[in-house]
Amino acid sequence: MKSEKLNKFSERLKELRNERNMTRQALADELHISVRLVGYWENGQRECSLDMLIKISNIFDVSVDFLIGNKDF
């Protein structure tokens, strides 16, 4: 992902998680990853793999395009 897309992903992930009153720990548990990795994503410090993007899009019932900022719906 380009840094612009990484920033949009970080914003959208945090927004979606907060809208659903989900903690970072709850998301990490659902994805079987560390809570630290979720924090890295939300702070734009790490990129997310395609596999994880798909899992996240399924959890929040949004498209991968929405997560990375290609679409605004």
N, C-alpha and C. Protein backbone atom coordinates (compact mmCIF):
# COMPACT_ATOMS: atom_id res chain seq x y z
N MET A 1 0.83 -1.18 0.00
CA MET A 1 0.00 0.00 0.00
C MET A 1 0.88 1.25 0.00
N LYS A 2 0.46 2.24 -0.71
CA LYS A 2 1.15 3.53 -0.67
C LYS A 2 0.86 4.17 0.67
N SER A 3 1.68 5.14 1.06
CA SER A 3 1.48 5.78 2.35
C SER A 3 0.11 6.45 2.45
N GLU A 4 -0.39 7.00 1.36
CA GLU A 4 -1.72 7.61 1.34
C GLU A 4 -2.79 6.57 1.66
N LYS A 5 -2.65 5.41 1.05
CA LYS A 5 -3.60 4.32 1.30
C LYS A 5 -3.44 3.78 2.71
N LEU A 6 -2.20 3.72 3.19
CA LEU A 6 -1.94 3.24 4.54
C LEU A 6 -2.60 4.18 5.55
N ASN A 7 -2.51 5.48 5.32
CA ASN A 7 -3.14 6.45 6.22
C ASN A 7 -4.65 6.30 6.21
N LYS A 8 -5.23 6.11 5.04
CA LYS A 8 -6.68 5.94 4.94
C LYS A 8 -7.11 4.66 5.64
N PHE A 9 -6.35 3.58 5.44
CA PHE A 9 -6.65 2.32 6.11
C PHE A 9 -6.60 2.52 7.62
N SER A 10 -5.59 3.19 8.12
CA SER A 10 -5.44 3.42 9.56
C SER A 10 -6.66 4.15 10.11
N GLU A 11 -7.07 5.21 9.42
CA GLU A 11 -8.24 5.99 9.84
C GLU A 11 -9.51 5.15 9.83
N ARG A 12 -9.71 4.43 8.75
CA ARG A 12 -10.96 3.67 8.60
C ARG A 12 -11.02 2.52 9.60
N LEU A 13 -9.91 1.85 9.82
CA LEU A 13 -9.90 0.75 10.78
C LEU A 13 -10.28 1.25 12.17
N LYS A 14 -9.67 2.33 12.59
CA LYS A 14 -9.96 2.89 13.91
C LYS A 14 -11.41 3.34 14.01
N GLU A 15 -11.90 4.01 12.96
CA GLU A 15 -13.30 4.47 12.94
C GLU A 15 -14.27 3.29 13.04
N LEU A 16 -14.05 2.27 12.24
CA LEU A 16 -14.95 1.11 12.24
C LEU A 16 -14.93 0.42 13.59
N ARG A 17 -13.76 0.26 14.15
CA ARG A 17 -13.65 -0.40 15.44
C ARG A 17 -14.36 0.39 16.52
N ASN A 18 -14.16 1.70 16.53
CA ASN A 18 -14.80 2.56 17.53
C ASN A 18 -16.31 2.62 17.35
N GLU A 19 -16.78 2.67 16.10
CA GLU A 19 -18.23 2.69 15.84
C GLU A 19 -18.92 1.46 16.41
N ARG A 20 -18.21 0.38 16.46
CA ARG A 20 -18.78 -0.88 16.96
C ARG A 20 -18.41 -1.15 18.42
N ASN A 21 -17.84 -0.13 19.05
CA ASN A 21 -17.42 -0.26 20.45
C ASN A 21 -16.56 -1.49 20.68
N MET A 22 -15.67 -1.74 19.74
CA MET A 22 -14.79 -2.90 19.81
C MET A 22 -13.41 -2.43 20.27
N THR A 23 -12.84 -3.12 21.21
CA THR A 23 -11.50 -2.78 21.66
C THR A 23 -10.47 -3.34 20.68
N ARG A 24 -9.27 -2.82 20.78
CA ARG A 24 -8.19 -3.38 19.96
C ARG A 24 -7.98 -4.84 20.31
N GLN A 25 -8.10 -5.15 21.59
CA GLN A 25 -7.91 -6.53 22.03
C GLN A 25 -8.95 -7.46 21.42
N ALA A 26 -10.21 -7.01 21.37
CA ALA A 26 -11.27 -7.83 20.79
C ALA A 26 -11.01 -8.10 19.31
N LEU A 27 -10.58 -7.07 18.59
CA LEU A 27 -10.26 -7.25 17.17
C LEU A 27 -9.07 -8.18 17.00
N ALA A 28 -8.07 -7.99 17.81
CA ALA A 28 -6.88 -8.85 17.75
C ALA A 28 -7.26 -10.30 18.01
N ASP A 29 -8.11 -10.52 19.00
CA ASP A 29 -8.55 -11.89 19.32
C ASP A 29 -9.29 -12.51 18.15
N GLU A 30 -10.15 -11.73 17.52
CA GLU A 30 -10.92 -12.24 16.38
C GLU A 30 -10.03 -12.59 15.19
N LEU A 31 -8.95 -11.82 15.03
CA LEU A 31 -8.03 -12.05 13.91
C LEU A 31 -6.88 -13.00 14.27
N HIS A 32 -6.81 -13.39 15.55
CA HIS A 32 -5.74 -14.28 16.03
C HIS A 32 -4.36 -13.65 15.83
N ILE A 33 -4.27 -12.37 16.21
CA ILE A 33 -3.00 -11.63 16.12
C ILE A 33 -2.78 -10.89 17.44
N SER A 34 -1.67 -10.21 17.56
CA SER A 34 -1.39 -9.45 18.78
C SER A 34 -2.11 -8.10 18.74
N VAL A 35 -2.44 -7.62 19.93
CA VAL A 35 -3.06 -6.30 20.04
C VAL A 35 -2.07 -5.22 19.58
N ARG A 36 -0.81 -5.48 19.75
CA ARG A 36 0.23 -4.54 19.31
C ARG A 36 0.16 -4.32 17.80
N LEU A 37 -0.09 -5.40 17.03
CA LEU A 37 -0.18 -5.27 15.57
C LEU A 37 -1.37 -4.40 15.18
N VAL A 38 -2.49 -4.56 15.85
CA VAL A 38 -3.65 -3.71 15.57
C VAL A 38 -3.27 -2.25 15.82
N GLY A 39 -2.55 -1.99 16.90
CA GLY A 39 -2.09 -0.64 17.19
C GLY A 39 -1.17 -0.09 16.12
N TYR A 40 -0.27 -0.92 15.64
CA TYR A 40 0.62 -0.51 14.56
C TYR A 40 -0.17 -0.11 13.32
N TRP A 41 -1.18 -0.91 12.98
CA TRP A 41 -2.02 -0.59 11.82
C TRP A 41 -2.73 0.75 12.02
N GLU A 42 -3.33 0.92 13.19
CA GLU A 42 -4.10 2.14 13.45
C GLU A 42 -3.22 3.38 13.51
N ASN A 43 -1.97 3.21 13.86
CA ASN A 43 -1.04 4.34 13.91
C ASN A 43 -0.26 4.52 12.62
N GLY A 44 -0.54 3.69 11.61
CA GLY A 44 0.12 3.81 10.32
C GLY A 44 1.58 3.37 10.34
N GLN A 45 1.94 2.53 11.30
CA GLN A 45 3.33 2.09 11.43
C GLN A 45 3.63 0.79 10.68
N ARG A 46 2.59 0.06 10.34
CA ARG A 46 2.77 -1.19 9.61
C ARG A 46 1.69 -1.32 8.56
N GLU A 47 2.03 -2.02 7.49
CA GLU A 47 1.05 -2.34 6.46
C GLU A 47 0.32 -3.63 6.82
N CYS A 48 -0.86 -3.74 6.31
CA CYS A 48 -1.70 -4.91 6.54
C CYS A 48 -1.63 -5.81 5.31
N SER A 49 -1.53 -7.11 5.53
CA SER A 49 -1.49 -8.04 4.40
C SER A 49 -2.86 -8.13 3.74
N LEU A 50 -2.88 -8.59 2.51
CA LEU A 50 -4.14 -8.76 1.79
C LEU A 50 -5.05 -9.73 2.52
N ASP A 51 -4.49 -10.79 3.04
CA ASP A 51 -5.27 -11.78 3.79
C ASP A 51 -5.97 -11.12 4.98
N MET A 52 -5.24 -10.29 5.71
CA MET A 52 -5.83 -9.60 6.86
C MET A 52 -6.84 -8.55 6.43
N LEU A 53 -6.58 -7.85 5.33
CA LEU A 53 -7.55 -6.88 4.81
C LEU A 53 -8.89 -7.56 4.53
N ILE A 54 -8.83 -8.73 3.93
CA ILE A 54 -10.05 -9.48 3.63
C ILE A 54 -10.76 -9.89 4.91
N LYS A 55 -10.02 -10.37 5.89
CA LYS A 55 -10.63 -10.76 7.17
C LYS A 55 -11.27 -9.56 7.87
N ILE A 56 -10.57 -8.44 7.86
CA ILE A 56 -11.10 -7.23 8.49
C ILE A 56 -12.36 -6.75 7.76
N SER A 57 -12.33 -6.79 6.44
CA SER A 57 -13.51 -6.37 5.68
C SER A 57 -14.71 -7.25 5.99
N ASN A 58 -14.48 -8.53 6.21
CA ASN A 58 -15.57 -9.44 6.58
C ASN A 58 -16.08 -9.17 7.98
N ILE A 59 -15.20 -8.88 8.91
CA ILE A 59 -15.61 -8.59 10.28
C ILE A 59 -16.51 -7.35 10.32
N PHE A 60 -16.11 -6.31 9.59
CA PHE A 60 -16.86 -5.05 9.63
C PHE A 60 -17.88 -4.92 8.50
N ASP A 61 -17.99 -5.94 7.66
CA ASP A 61 -18.95 -5.96 6.56
C ASP A 61 -18.80 -4.74 5.65
N VAL A 62 -17.55 -4.49 5.26
CA VAL A 62 -17.23 -3.43 4.30
C VAL A 62 -16.32 -4.03 3.24
N SER A 63 -16.13 -3.32 2.14
CA SER A 63 -15.25 -3.82 1.09
C SER A 63 -13.79 -3.48 1.41
N VAL A 64 -12.89 -4.23 0.82
CA VAL A 64 -11.46 -3.92 0.93
C VAL A 64 -11.21 -2.54 0.32
N ASP A 65 -11.89 -2.23 -0.78
CA ASP A 65 -11.75 -0.92 -1.40
C ASP A 65 -12.09 0.19 -0.42
N PHE A 66 -13.13 0.00 0.38
CA PHE A 66 -13.48 1.01 1.38
C PHE A 66 -12.36 1.12 2.42
N LEU A 67 -11.87 -0.01 2.89
CA LEU A 67 -10.82 0.01 3.92
C LEU A 67 -9.58 0.78 3.49
N ILE A 68 -9.20 0.65 2.23
CA ILE A 68 -7.97 1.29 1.79
C ILE A 68 -8.22 2.65 1.13
N GLY A 69 -9.47 3.09 1.10
CA GLY A 69 -9.77 4.43 0.63
C GLY A 69 -10.05 4.56 -0.85
N ASN A 70 -10.26 3.45 -1.55
CA ASN A 70 -10.59 3.53 -2.97
C ASN A 70 -12.05 3.91 -3.18
N LYS A 71 -12.89 3.62 -2.22
CA LYS A 71 -14.33 3.95 -2.29
C LYS A 71 -14.76 4.51 -0.95
N ASP A 72 -15.76 5.37 -0.99
CA ASP A 72 -16.24 6.02 0.23
C ASP A 72 -17.60 5.52 0.69
N PHE A 73 -17.90 4.26 0.47
CA PHE A 73 -19.17 3.72 0.95
C PHE A 73 -18.99 2.38 1.58
